[in-house]
């Protein structure tokens, strides 16, 4: 079974490949990629909606803050919190 964290990273990379390909040219960590997409609001929005669709969840507006885009681990925990409700 694929861990939530791994699925989040896969989704992040797919969204970047599709909508922000120049970011893939940089050798940066997954956390840095996550932070970088906040500079492109449409990419960030696509990422959030893709997560919601993939996991069949809906984030509350107050959850989508700077911490949300700061750490893959934090984001995976947030997703897991929704899945365990």
Protein backbone atom coordinates (compact mmCIF):
# COMPACT_ATOMS: atom_id res chain seq x y z
CA UNK A 1 0.00 0.00 0.00
CA UNK A 2 1.32 3.41 -0.95
CA UNK A 3 1.82 5.79 1.95
CA UNK A 4 -0.02 9.09 1.93
CA UNK A 5 3.29 10.96 1.85
CA UNK A 6 4.39 9.10 -1.27
CA UNK A 7 1.07 9.83 -2.99
CA UNK A 8 1.36 13.52 -2.10
CA UNK A 9 4.87 13.66 -3.58
CA UNK A 10 3.69 11.87 -6.73
CA UNK A 11 0.82 14.33 -7.15
CA UNK A 12 3.15 17.27 -6.56
CA UNK A 13 5.56 16.04 -9.22
CA UNK A 14 2.75 15.36 -11.70
CA UNK A 15 1.30 18.84 -11.24
CA UNK A 16 4.74 20.42 -11.58
CA UNK A 17 5.48 18.39 -14.71
CA UNK A 18 2.20 19.43 -16.26
CA UNK A 19 1.91 23.05 -15.14
CA UNK A 20 5.30 24.31 -13.89
CA UNK A 21 7.86 22.24 -15.82
CA UNK A 22 10.71 24.72 -15.38
CA UNK A 23 10.73 23.85 -11.67
CA UNK A 24 11.72 20.28 -12.54
CA UNK A 25 14.97 21.59 -14.03
CA UNK A 26 16.13 22.55 -10.56
CA UNK A 27 17.64 20.02 -8.19
CA UNK A 28 15.64 20.83 -5.09
CA UNK A 29 13.93 18.81 -2.38
CA UNK A 30 10.25 17.94 -2.38
CA UNK A 31 9.67 20.44 0.44
CA UNK A 32 11.35 23.15 -1.65
CA UNK A 33 9.14 22.25 -4.64
CA UNK A 34 6.08 22.49 -2.40
CA UNK A 35 7.13 25.95 -1.20
CA UNK A 36 8.00 27.04 -4.75
CA UNK A 37 4.55 26.36 -6.18
CA UNK A 38 3.10 29.07 -3.93
CA UNK A 39 4.70 31.63 -6.26
CA UNK A 40 2.37 30.40 -9.00
CA UNK A 41 -1.13 30.65 -7.56
CA UNK A 42 -2.79 28.64 -10.34
CA UNK A 43 -0.31 25.79 -9.87
CA UNK A 44 -0.93 25.85 -6.12
CA UNK A 45 -4.69 25.78 -6.73
CA UNK A 46 -4.38 22.89 -9.17
CA UNK A 47 -2.25 21.01 -6.63
CA UNK A 48 -4.79 21.51 -3.82
CA UNK A 49 -7.76 20.48 -5.96
CA UNK A 50 -5.87 17.47 -7.29
CA UNK A 51 -5.14 16.36 -3.72
CA UNK A 52 -8.80 16.77 -2.81
CA UNK A 53 -9.89 14.75 -5.84
CA UNK A 54 -7.27 12.02 -5.38
CA UNK A 55 -8.07 11.48 -1.70
CA UNK A 56 -11.82 12.31 -1.89
CA UNK A 57 -11.47 14.98 0.79
CA UNK A 58 -12.09 18.70 1.09
CA UNK A 59 -9.71 21.01 2.90
CA UNK A 60 -11.13 23.79 5.05
CA UNK A 61 -10.08 27.26 3.92
CA UNK A 62 -8.24 27.86 7.19
CA UNK A 63 -6.10 24.75 6.62
CA UNK A 64 -4.59 26.13 3.43
CA UNK A 65 -2.01 28.45 4.93
CA UNK A 66 1.76 28.83 4.86
CA UNK A 67 2.25 25.67 6.95
CA UNK A 68 0.24 23.72 4.37
CA UNK A 69 2.86 24.56 1.73
CA UNK A 70 5.89 24.30 3.99
CA UNK A 71 6.37 20.58 4.52
CA UNK A 72 5.38 17.39 2.71
CA UNK A 73 5.20 15.60 6.07
CA UNK A 74 2.83 18.22 7.50
CA UNK A 75 0.69 18.06 4.38
CA UNK A 76 0.56 14.24 4.49
CA UNK A 77 -0.51 14.41 8.15
CA UNK A 78 -3.25 16.89 7.21
CA UNK A 79 -4.50 14.54 4.49
CA UNK A 80 -4.36 11.58 6.89
CA UNK A 81 -6.39 13.60 9.40
CA UNK A 82 -9.15 13.98 6.82
CA UNK A 83 -8.99 10.32 5.85
CA UNK A 84 -9.35 9.23 9.48
CA UNK A 85 -12.47 11.32 10.15
